[in-house]
Amino acid sequence: MTLSVFQCNQCDHTLFPARYLCPNCGSADWQRVPFAQGTVAEATVVHQRVGQPNAAPLHLASVVSSAGPIVIARSDAALHAGDVVRLTIDAGGAIVASPI
């Protein structure tokens, strides 16, 4: 599945996730702009998860997409600020970052 940001047709402001109205100009006229990669801005590891006492660590990253907006993505391995990653959506609907 391909990721998309939403770009206002009135003022070109880009958002993720979608909104009903553009916070910049108030328009409701949007277009989808696909993207597939970005750059890690910040990364962290969640070691303790509620209701999952024996769960493996969860790697998360804030990724600045090539289209502009920041997305939060999971990763199978540790990521670091500045890493360039490919972004996909897994079967469960989560955004996944993989090093390029």
PDB file of N, CA and C in Angstrom:
ATOM      1  N   MET A   1       0.846  -1.172   0.000  1.00  0.00           N
ATOM      2  CA  MET A   1       0.000   0.000   0.000  1.00  0.00           C
ATOM      3  C   MET A   1       0.898   1.244   0.000  1.00  0.00           C
ATOM      4  N   THR A   2       0.523   2.244  -0.751  1.00  0.00           N
ATOM      5  CA  THR A   2       1.312   3.462  -0.887  1.00  0.00           C
ATOM      6  C   THR A   2       0.831   4.530   0.092  1.00  0.00           C
ATOM      7  N   LEU A   3       1.770   5.215   0.699  1.00  0.00           N
ATOM      8  CA  LEU A   3       1.446   6.335   1.581  1.00  0.00           C
ATOM      9  C   LEU A   3       1.191   7.588   0.760  1.00  0.00           C
ATOM     10  N   SER A   4       0.295   8.422   1.254  1.00  0.00           N
ATOM     11  CA  SER A   4       0.025   9.706   0.602  1.00  0.00           C
ATOM     12  C   SER A   4      -0.105  10.786   1.658  1.00  0.00           C
ATOM     13  N   VAL A   5       0.347  11.975   1.312  1.00  0.00           N
ATOM     14  CA  VAL A   5       0.016  13.158   2.101  1.00  0.00           C
ATOM     15  C   VAL A   5      -1.111  13.850   1.359  1.00  0.00           C
ATOM     16  N   PHE A   6      -1.672  14.850   1.973  1.00  0.00           N
ATOM     17  CA  PHE A   6      -2.790  15.552   1.373  1.00  0.00           C
ATOM     18  C   PHE A   6      -2.381  16.997   1.164  1.00  0.00           C
ATOM     19  N   GLN A   7      -2.499  17.454  -0.090  1.00  0.00           N
ATOM     20  CA  GLN A   7      -2.070  18.801  -0.450  1.00  0.00           C
ATOM     21  C   GLN A   7      -3.288  19.632  -0.819  1.00  0.00           C
ATOM     22  N   CYS A   8      -3.380  20.798  -0.211  1.00  0.00           N
ATOM     23  CA  CYS A   8      -4.481  21.718  -0.488  1.00  0.00           C
ATOM     24  C   CYS A   8      -4.339  22.259  -1.908  1.00  0.00           C
ATOM     25  N   ASN A   9      -5.402  22.174  -2.687  1.00  0.00           N
ATOM     26  CA  ASN A   9      -5.376  22.695  -4.055  1.00  0.00           C
ATOM     27  C   ASN A   9      -5.442  24.221  -4.096  1.00  0.00           C
ATOM     28  N   GLN A  10      -5.812  24.841  -2.983  1.00  0.00           N
ATOM     29  CA  GLN A  10      -5.919  26.301  -2.919  1.00  0.00           C
ATOM     30  C   GLN A  10      -4.568  26.956  -2.608  1.00  0.00           C
ATOM     31  N   CYS A  11      -3.832  26.403  -1.592  1.00  0.00           N
ATOM     32  CA  CYS A  11      -2.604  27.079  -1.137  1.00  0.00           C
ATOM     33  C   CYS A  11      -1.367  26.177  -1.140  1.00  0.00           C
ATOM     34  N   ASP A  12      -1.509  24.908  -1.547  1.00  0.00           N
ATOM     35  CA  ASP A  12      -0.416  23.929  -1.627  1.00  0.00           C
ATOM     36  C   ASP A  12       0.114  23.464  -0.272  1.00  0.00           C
ATOM     37  N   HIS A  13      -0.561  23.785   0.830  1.00  0.00           N
ATOM     38  CA  HIS A  13      -0.162  23.309   2.155  1.00  0.00           C
ATOM     39  C   HIS A  13      -0.319  21.790   2.190  1.00  0.00           C
ATOM     40  N   THR A  14       0.671  21.058   2.728  1.00  0.00           N
ATOM     41  CA  THR A  14       0.584  19.601   2.803  1.00  0.00           C
ATOM     42  C   THR A  14       0.393  19.148   4.239  1.00  0.00           C
ATOM     43  N   LEU A  15      -0.417  18.086   4.405  1.00  0.00           N
ATOM     44  CA  LEU A  15      -0.758  17.558   5.724  1.00  0.00           C
ATOM     45  C   LEU A  15      -0.735  16.042   5.732  1.00  0.00           C
ATOM     46  N   PHE A  16      -0.519  15.487   6.909  1.00  0.00           N
ATOM     47  CA  PHE A  16      -0.712  14.070   7.167  1.00  0.00           C
ATOM     48  C   PHE A  16      -1.013  13.946   8.644  1.00  0.00           C
ATOM     49  N   PRO A  17      -2.099  13.291   9.012  1.00  0.00           N
ATOM     50  CA  PRO A  17      -3.127  12.688   8.175  1.00  0.00           C
ATOM     51  C   PRO A  17      -4.071  13.744   7.592  1.00  0.00           C
ATOM     52  N   ALA A  18      -5.050  13.260   6.848  1.00  0.00           N
ATOM     53  CA  ALA A  18      -6.003  14.155   6.178  1.00  0.00           C
ATOM     54  C   ALA A  18      -6.833  14.935   7.195  1.00  0.00           C
ATOM     55  N   ARG A  19      -7.293  16.093   6.795  1.00  0.00           N
ATOM     56  CA  ARG A  19      -8.192  16.930   7.594  1.00  0.00           C
ATOM     57  C   ARG A  19      -9.364  17.330   6.687  1.00  0.00           C
ATOM     58  N   TYR A  20     -10.438  17.758   7.297  1.00  0.00           N
ATOM     59  CA  TYR A  20     -11.579  18.223   6.501  1.00  0.00           C
ATOM     60  C   TYR A  20     -11.273  19.558   5.844  1.00  0.00           C
ATOM     61  N   LEU A  21     -10.663  20.468   6.615  1.00  0.00           N
ATOM     62  CA  LEU A  21     -10.372  21.807   6.111  1.00  0.00           C
ATOM     63  C   LEU A  21      -8.890  22.106   6.258  1.00  0.00           C
ATOM     64  N   CYS A  22      -8.348  22.843   5.325  1.00  0.00           N
ATOM     65  CA  CYS A  22      -6.950  23.263   5.385  1.00  0.00           C
ATOM     66  C   CYS A  22      -6.786  24.259   6.534  1.00  0.00           C
ATOM     67  N   PRO A  23      -5.857  24.005   7.466  1.00  0.00           N
ATOM     68  CA  PRO A  23      -5.668  24.952   8.563  1.00  0.00           C
ATOM     69  C   PRO A  23      -5.007  26.257   8.106  1.00  0.00           C
ATOM     70  N   ASN A  24      -4.461  26.251   6.902  1.00  0.00           N
ATOM     71  CA  ASN A  24      -3.783  27.432   6.372  1.00  0.00           C
ATOM     72  C   ASN A  24      -4.757  28.408   5.701  1.00  0.00           C
ATOM     73  N   CYS A  25      -5.697  27.864   4.888  1.00  0.00           N
ATOM     74  CA  CYS A  25      -6.578  28.757   4.123  1.00  0.00           C
ATOM     75  C   CYS A  25      -8.069  28.442   4.264  1.00  0.00           C
ATOM     76  N   GLY A  26      -8.425  27.309   4.894  1.00  0.00           N
ATOM     77  CA  GLY A  26      -9.826  26.962   5.091  1.00  0.00           C
ATOM     78  C   GLY A  26     -10.464  26.187   3.956  1.00  0.00           C
ATOM     79  N   SER A  27      -9.726  25.891   2.893  1.00  0.00           N
ATOM     80  CA  SER A  27     -10.269  25.156   1.752  1.00  0.00           C
ATOM     81  C   SER A  27     -10.551  23.699   2.129  1.00  0.00           C
ATOM     82  N   ALA A  28     -11.495  23.088   1.420  1.00  0.00           N
ATOM     83  CA  ALA A  28     -11.790  21.668   1.584  1.00  0.00           C
ATOM     84  C   ALA A  28     -11.440  20.899   0.314  1.00  0.00           C
ATOM     85  N   ASP A  29     -10.651  21.490  -0.554  1.00  0.00           N
ATOM     86  CA  ASP A  29     -10.281  20.896  -1.844  1.00  0.00           C
ATOM     87  C   ASP A  29      -8.862  20.330  -1.746  1.00  0.00           C
ATOM     88  N   TRP A  30      -8.750  18.989  -1.702  1.00  0.00           N
ATOM     89  CA  TRP A  30      -7.471  18.310  -1.472  1.00  0.00           C
ATOM     90  C   TRP A  30      -7.091  17.413  -2.632  1.00  0.00           C
ATOM     91  N   GLN A  31      -5.811  17.149  -2.770  1.00  0.00           N
ATOM     92  CA  GLN A  31      -5.330  16.107  -3.674  1.00  0.00           C
ATOM     93  C   GLN A  31      -4.342  15.237  -2.900  1.00  0.00           C
ATOM     94  N   ARG A  32      -4.305  13.954  -3.264  1.00  0.00           N
ATOM     95  CA  ARG A  32      -3.346  13.025  -2.656  1.00  0.00           C
ATOM     96  C   ARG A  32      -2.016  13.142  -3.381  1.00  0.00           C
ATOM     97  N   VAL A  33      -0.933  13.165  -2.603  1.00  0.00           N
ATOM     98  CA  VAL A  33       0.413  13.197  -3.163  1.00  0.00           C
ATOM     99  C   VAL A  33       1.161  11.992  -2.594  1.00  0.00           C
ATOM    100  N   PRO A  34       1.423  10.966  -3.421  1.00  0.00           N
ATOM    101  CA  PRO A  34       2.108   9.780  -2.913  1.00  0.00           C
ATOM    102  C   PRO A  34       3.571  10.070  -2.578  1.00  0.00           C
ATOM    103  N   PHE A  35       4.078   9.338  -1.597  1.00  0.00           N
ATOM    104  CA  PHE A  35       5.496   9.420  -1.256  1.00  0.00           C
ATOM    105  C   PHE A  35       5.932   8.073  -0.698  1.00  0.00           C
ATOM    106  N   ALA A  36       7.217   7.782  -0.731  1.00  0.00           N
ATOM    107  CA  ALA A  36       7.688   6.471  -0.294  1.00  0.00           C
ATOM    108  C   ALA A  36       8.946   6.528   0.554  1.00  0.00           C
ATOM    109  N   GLN A  37       9.476   7.724   0.818  1.00  0.00           N
ATOM    110  CA  GLN A  37      10.670   7.765   1.652  1.00  0.00           C
ATOM    111  C   GLN A  37      10.723   9.041   2.464  1.00  0.00           C
ATOM    112  N   GLY A  38      11.674   9.057   3.401  1.00  0.00           N
ATOM    113  CA  GLY A  38      11.849  10.218   4.252  1.00  0.00           C
ATOM    114  C   GLY A  38      13.147  10.105   5.021  1.00  0.00           C
ATOM    115  N   THR A  39      13.373  11.065   5.915  1.00  0.00           N
ATOM    116  CA  THR A  39      14.587  11.115   6.718  1.00  0.00           C
ATOM    117  C   THR A  39      14.206  11.120   8.193  1.00  0.00           C
ATOM    118  N   VAL A  40      14.845  10.256   8.972  1.00  0.00           N
ATOM    119  CA  VAL A  40      14.557  10.155  10.399  1.00  0.00           C
ATOM    120  C   VAL A  40      14.981  11.447  11.097  1.00  0.00           C
ATOM    121  N   ALA A  41      14.042  12.034  11.844  1.00  0.00           N
ATOM    122  CA  ALA A  41      14.341  13.230  12.634  1.00  0.00           C
ATOM    123  C   ALA A  41      14.698  12.832  14.067  1.00  0.00           C
ATOM    124  N   GLU A  42      13.928  11.914  14.639  1.00  0.00           N
ATOM    125  CA  GLU A  42      14.128  11.428  16.005  1.00  0.00           C
ATOM    126  C   GLU A  42      13.755   9.956  16.047  1.00  0.00           C
ATOM    127  N   ALA A  43      14.360   9.211  16.967  1.00  0.00           N
ATOM    128  CA  ALA A  43      14.034   7.796  17.120  1.00  0.00           C
ATOM    129  C   ALA A  43      14.049   7.427  18.599  1.00  0.00           C
ATOM    130  N   THR A  44      13.256   6.423  18.946  1.00  0.00           N
ATOM    131  CA  THR A  44      13.206   5.949  20.323  1.00  0.00           C
ATOM    132  C   THR A  44      12.858   4.468  20.333  1.00  0.00           C
ATOM    133  N   VAL A  45      13.020   3.838  21.490  1.00  0.00           N
ATOM    134  CA  VAL A  45      12.660   2.432  21.663  1.00  0.00           C
ATOM    135  C   VAL A  45      11.733   2.331  22.866  1.00  0.00           C
ATOM    136  N   VAL A  46      10.589   1.675  22.683  1.00  0.00           N
ATOM    137  CA  VAL A  46       9.642   1.433  23.770  1.00  0.00           C
ATOM    138  C   VAL A  46       9.945   0.043  24.316  1.00  0.00           C
ATOM    139  N   HIS A  47      10.350  -0.021  25.589  1.00  0.00           N
ATOM    140  CA  HIS A  47      10.725  -1.303  26.194  1.00  0.00           C
ATOM    141  C   HIS A  47       9.583  -1.943  26.972  1.00  0.00           C
ATOM    142  N   GLN A  48       8.648  -1.160  27.484  1.00  0.00           N
ATOM    143  CA  GLN A  48       7.544  -1.684  28.279  1.00  0.00           C
ATOM    144  C   GLN A  48       6.235  -1.259  27.626  1.00  0.00           C
ATOM    145  N   ARG A  49       5.397  -2.251  27.305  1.00  0.00           N
ATOM    146  CA  ARG A  49       4.109  -1.942  26.668  1.00  0.00           C
ATOM    147  C   ARG A  49       2.978  -2.461  27.543  1.00  0.00           C
ATOM    148  N   VAL A  50       1.964  -1.643  27.728  1.00  0.00           N
ATOM    149  CA  VAL A  50       0.821  -1.993  28.565  1.00  0.00           C
ATOM    150  C   VAL A  50       0.137  -3.237  28.017  1.00  0.00           C
ATOM    151  N   GLY A  51      -0.107  -4.207  28.891  1.00  0.00           N
ATOM    152  CA  GLY A  51      -0.804  -5.426  28.502  1.00  0.00           C
ATOM    153  C   GLY A  51       0.044  -6.424  27.742  1.00  0.00           C
ATOM    154  N   GLN A  52       1.324  -6.132  27.535  1.00  0.00           N
ATOM    155  CA  GLN A  52       2.221  -7.037  26.814  1.00  0.00           C
ATOM    156  C   GLN A  52       3.545  -7.139  27.582  1.00  0.00           C
ATOM    157  N   PRO A  53       3.529  -7.833  28.725  1.00  0.00           N
ATOM    158  CA  PRO A  53       4.714  -7.853  29.585  1.00  0.00           C
ATOM    159  C   PRO A  53       5.956  -8.482  28.950  1.00  0.00           C
ATOM    160  N   ASN A  54       5.806  -9.362  28.000  1.00  0.00           N
ATOM    161  CA  ASN A  54       6.958 -10.030  27.382  1.00  0.00           C
ATOM    162  C   ASN A  54       7.191  -9.599  25.937  1.00  0.00           C
ATOM    163  N   ALA A  55       6.635  -8.471  25.560  1.00  0.00           N
ATOM    164  CA  ALA A  55       6.767  -8.001  24.175  1.00  0.00           C
ATOM    165  C   ALA A  55       8.197  -7.556  23.878  1.00  0.00           C
ATOM    166  N   ALA A  56       8.596  -7.766  22.644  1.00  0.00           N
ATOM    167  CA  ALA A  56       9.914  -7.307  22.193  1.00  0.00           C
ATOM    168  C   ALA A  56       9.922  -5.781  22.152  1.00  0.00           C
ATOM    169  N   PRO A  57      11.093  -5.176  22.241  1.00  0.00           N
ATOM    170  CA  PRO A  57      11.168  -3.714  22.136  1.00  0.00           C
ATOM    171  C   PRO A  57      10.544  -3.222  20.823  1.00  0.00           C
ATOM    172  N   LEU A  58       9.908  -2.057  20.890  1.00  0.00           N
ATOM    173  CA  LEU A  58       9.259  -1.461  19.729  1.00  0.00           C
ATOM    174  C   LEU A  58      10.056  -0.232  19.311  1.00  0.00           C
ATOM    175  N   HIS A  59      10.608  -0.258  18.113  1.00  0.00           N
ATOM    176  CA  HIS A  59      11.391   0.856  17.584  1.00  0.00           C
ATOM    177  C   HIS A  59      10.447   1.814  16.862  1.00  0.00           C
ATOM    178  N   LEU A  60      10.489   3.098  17.241  1.00  0.00           N
ATOM    179  CA  LEU A  60       9.653   4.128  16.633  1.00  0.00           C
ATOM    180  C   LEU A  60      10.521   5.280  16.158  1.00  0.00           C
ATOM    181  N   ALA A  61      10.075   5.952  15.102  1.00  0.00           N
ATOM    182  CA  ALA A  61      10.826   7.099  14.588  1.00  0.00           C
ATOM    183  C   ALA A  61       9.877   8.160  14.054  1.00  0.00           C
ATOM    184  N   SER A  62      10.240   9.413  14.266  1.00  0.00           N
ATOM    185  CA  SER A  62       9.588  10.543  13.601  1.00  0.00           C
ATOM    186  C   SER A  62      10.337  10.736  12.295  1.00  0.00           C
ATOM    187  N   VAL A  63       9.619  10.630  11.183  1.00  0.00           N
ATOM    188  CA  VAL A  63      10.247  10.685   9.865  1.00  0.00           C
ATOM    189  C   VAL A  63       9.691  11.875   9.088  1.00  0.00           C
ATOM    190  N   VAL A  64      10.587  12.733   8.622  1.00  0.00           N
ATOM    191  CA  VAL A  64      10.180  13.850   7.762  1.00  0.00           C
ATOM    192  C   VAL A  64      10.040  13.274   6.361  1.00  0.00           C
ATOM    193  N   SER A  65       8.806  13.194   5.874  1.00  0.00           N
ATOM    194  CA  SER A  65       8.562  12.584   4.566  1.00  0.00           C
ATOM    195  C   SER A  65       9.137  13.443   3.453  1.00  0.00           C
ATOM    196  N   SER A  66       9.410  12.813   2.323  1.00  0.00           N
ATOM    197  CA  SER A  66       9.914  13.545   1.157  1.00  0.00           C
ATOM    198  C   SER A  66       8.890  14.566   0.663  1.00  0.00           C
ATOM    199  N   ALA A  67       7.617  14.386   1.058  1.00  0.00           N
ATOM    200  CA  ALA A  67       6.564  15.323   0.671  1.00  0.00           C
ATOM    201  C   ALA A  67       6.398  16.463   1.678  1.00  0.00           C
ATOM    202  N   GLY A  68       7.084  16.369   2.832  1.00  0.00           N
ATOM    203  CA  GLY A  68       7.045  17.456   3.806  1.00  0.00           C
ATOM    204  C   GLY A  68       6.569  17.093   5.197  1.00  0.00           C
ATOM    205  N   PRO A  69       5.334  16.578   5.362  1.00  0.00           N
ATOM    206  CA  PRO A  69       4.833  16.299   6.701  1.00  0.00           C
ATOM    207  C   PRO A  69       5.627  15.212   7.438  1.00  0.00           C
ATOM    208  N   ILE A  70       5.566  15.262   8.757  1.00  0.00           N
ATOM    209  CA  ILE A  70       6.228  14.273   9.609  1.00  0.00           C
ATOM    210  C   ILE A  70       5.248  13.144   9.895  1.00  0.00           C
ATOM    211  N   VAL A  71       5.739  11.897   9.812  1.00  0.00           N
ATOM    212  CA  VAL A  71       4.940  10.723  10.158  1.00  0.00           C
ATOM    213  C   VAL A  71       5.679   9.941  11.242  1.00  0.00           C
ATOM    214  N   ILE A  72       4.928   9.217  12.063  1.00  0.00           N
ATOM    215  CA  ILE A  72       5.511   8.333  13.066  1.00  0.00           C
ATOM    216  C   ILE A  72       5.484   6.933  12.476  1.00  0.00           C
ATOM    217  N   ALA A  73       6.645   6.267  12.480  1.00  0.00           N
ATOM    218  CA  ALA A  73       6.753   4.946  11.856  1.00  0.00           C
ATOM    219  C   ALA A  73       7.396   3.947  12.803  1.00  0.00           C
ATOM    220  N   ARG A  74       7.031   2.693  12.628  1.00  0.00           N
ATOM    221  CA  ARG A  74       7.682   1.586  13.327  1.00  0.00           C
ATOM    222  C   ARG A  74       8.870   1.121  12.506  1.00  0.00           C
ATOM    223  N   SER A  75       9.773   0.397  13.172  1.00  0.00           N
ATOM    224  CA  SER A  75      10.907  -0.186  12.461  1.00  0.00           C
ATOM    225  C   SER A  75      11.285  -1.493  13.134  1.00  0.00           C
ATOM    226  N   ASP A  76      11.840  -2.426  12.356  1.00  0.00           N
ATOM    227  CA  ASP A  76      12.297  -3.697  12.916  1.00  0.00           C
ATOM    228  C   ASP A  76      13.615  -3.551  13.659  1.00  0.00           C
ATOM    229  N   ALA A  77      14.350  -2.494  13.392  1.00  0.00           N
ATOM    230  CA  ALA A  77      15.661  -2.280  14.010  1.00  0.00           C
ATOM    231  C   ALA A  77      15.789  -0.819  14.425  1.00  0.00           C
ATOM    232  N   ALA A  78      16.795  -0.541  15.220  1.00  0.00           N
ATOM    233  CA  ALA A  78      17.040   0.829  15.670  1.00  0.00           C
ATOM    234  C   ALA A  78      17.359   1.733  14.481  1.00  0.00           C
ATOM    235  N   LEU A  79      16.790   2.922  14.496  1.00  0.00           N
ATOM    236  CA  LEU A  79      17.080   3.944  13.491  1.00  0.00           C
ATOM    237  C   LEU A  79      17.714   5.133  14.198  1.00  0.00           C
ATOM    238  N   HIS A  80      18.395   5.972  13.428  1.00  0.00           N
ATOM    239  CA  HIS A  80      19.084   7.123  13.999  1.00  0.00           C
ATOM    240  C   HIS A  80      18.749   8.372  13.190  1.00  0.00           C
ATOM    241  N   ALA A  81      18.803   9.529  13.853  1.00  0.00           N
ATOM    242  CA  ALA A  81      18.554  10.798  13.170  1.00  0.00           C
ATOM    243  C   ALA A  81      19.447  10.903  11.945  1.00  0.00           C
ATOM    244  N   GLY A  82      18.845  11.283  10.819  1.00  0.00           N
ATOM    245  CA  GLY A  82      19.585  11.423   9.563  1.00  0.00           C
ATOM    246  C   GLY A  82      19.485  10.217   8.650  1.00  0.00           C
ATOM    247  N   ASP A  83      19.041   9.061   9.180  1.00  0.00           N
ATOM    248  CA  ASP A  83      18.884   7.874   8.330  1.00  0.00           C
ATOM    249  C   ASP A  83      17.803   8.128   7.276  1.00  0.00           C
ATOM    250  N   VAL A  84      18.065   7.731   6.040  1.00  0.00           N
ATOM    251  CA  VAL A  84      17.063   7.797   4.974  1.00  0.00           C
ATOM    252  C   VAL A  84      16.347   6.453   4.961  1.00  0.00           C
ATOM    253  N   VAL A  85      15.011   6.489   4.966  1.00  0.00           N
ATOM    254  CA  VAL A  85      14.217   5.267   5.069  1.00  0.00           C
ATOM    255  C   VAL A  85      13.139   5.207   3.998  1.00  0.00           C
ATOM    256  N   ARG A  86      12.741   3.968   3.678  1.00  0.00           N
ATOM    257  CA  ARG A  86      11.600   3.721   2.798  1.00  0.00           C
ATOM    258  C   ARG A  86      10.393   3.553   3.717  1.00  0.00           C
ATOM    259  N   LEU A  87       9.266   4.126   3.358  1.00  0.00           N
ATOM    260  CA  LEU A  87       8.055   4.053   4.167  1.00  0.00           C
ATOM    261  C   LEU A  87       6.997   3.224   3.454  1.00  0.00           C
ATOM    262  N   THR A  88       6.440   2.252   4.177  1.00  0.00           N
ATOM    263  CA  THR A  88       5.381   1.402   3.641  1.00  0.00           C
ATOM    264  C   THR A  88       4.296   1.257   4.707  1.00  0.00           C
ATOM    265  N   ILE A  89       3.194   0.634   4.332  1.00  0.00           N
ATOM    266  CA  ILE A  89       2.127   0.323   5.275  1.00  0.00           C
ATOM    267  C   ILE A  89       2.022  -1.190   5.356  1.00  0.00           C
ATOM    268  N   ASP A  90       2.060  -1.744   6.590  1.00  0.00           N
ATOM    269  CA  ASP A  90       1.985  -3.196   6.742  1.00  0.00           C
ATOM    270  C   ASP A  90       0.528  -3.670   6.716  1.00  0.00           C
ATOM    271  N   ALA A  91       0.332  -4.984   6.833  1.00  0.00           N
ATOM    272  CA  ALA A  91      -1.004  -5.579   6.752  1.00  0.00           C
ATOM    273  C   ALA A  91      -1.931  -5.067   7.853  1.00  0.00           C
ATOM    274  N   GLY A  92      -1.363  -4.658   8.991  1.00  0.00           N
ATOM    275  CA  GLY A  92      -2.164  -4.149  10.094  1.00  0.00           C
ATOM    276  C   GLY A  92      -2.453  -2.661  10.010  1.00  0.00           C
ATOM    277  N   GLY A  93      -1.938  -1.993   8.967  1.00  0.00           N
ATOM    278  CA  GLY A  93      -2.182  -0.574   8.776  1.00  0.00           C
ATOM    279  C   GLY A  93      -1.149   0.347   9.404  1.00  0.00           C
ATOM    280  N   ALA A  94      -0.095  -0.224  10.003  1.00  0.00           N
ATOM    281  CA  ALA A  94       0.951   0.599  10.615  1.00  0.00           C
ATOM    282  C   ALA A  94       1.941   1.085   9.558  1.00  0.00           C
ATOM    283  N   ILE A  95       2.471   2.278   9.751  1.00  0.00           N
ATOM    284  CA  ILE A  95       3.520   2.801   8.871  1.00  0.00           C
ATOM    285  C   ILE A  95       4.840   2.203   9.336  1.00  0.00           C
ATOM    286  N   VAL A  96       5.592   1.642   8.392  1.00  0.00           N
ATOM    287  CA  VAL A  96       6.853   0.963   8.701  1.00  0.00           C
ATOM    288  C   VAL A  96       7.989   1.646   7.959  1.00  0.00           C
ATOM    289  N   ALA A  97       9.078   1.925   8.682  1.00  0.00           N
ATOM    290  CA  ALA A  97      10.275   2.533   8.099  1.00  0.00           C
ATOM    291  C   ALA A  97      11.356   1.472   7.969  1.00  0.00           C
ATOM    292  N   SER A  98      11.964   1.390   6.788  1.00  0.00           N
ATOM    293  CA  SER A  98      13.059   0.447   6.533  1.00  0.00           C
ATOM    294  C   SER A  98      14.232   1.225   5.964  1.00  0.00           C
ATOM    295  N   PRO A  99      15.445   1.005   6.501  1.00  0.00           N
ATOM    296  CA  PRO A  99      16.616   1.718   5.969  1.00  0.00           C
ATOM    297  C   PRO A  99      16.790   1.460   4.478  1.00  0.00           C
ATOM    298  N   ILE A 100      17.210   2.487   3.762  1.00  0.00           N
ATOM    299  CA  ILE A 100      17.477   2.334   2.319  1.00  0.00           C
ATOM    300  C   ILE A 100      18.950   2.043   2.141  1.00  0.00           C
TER     301      ILE A 100
END
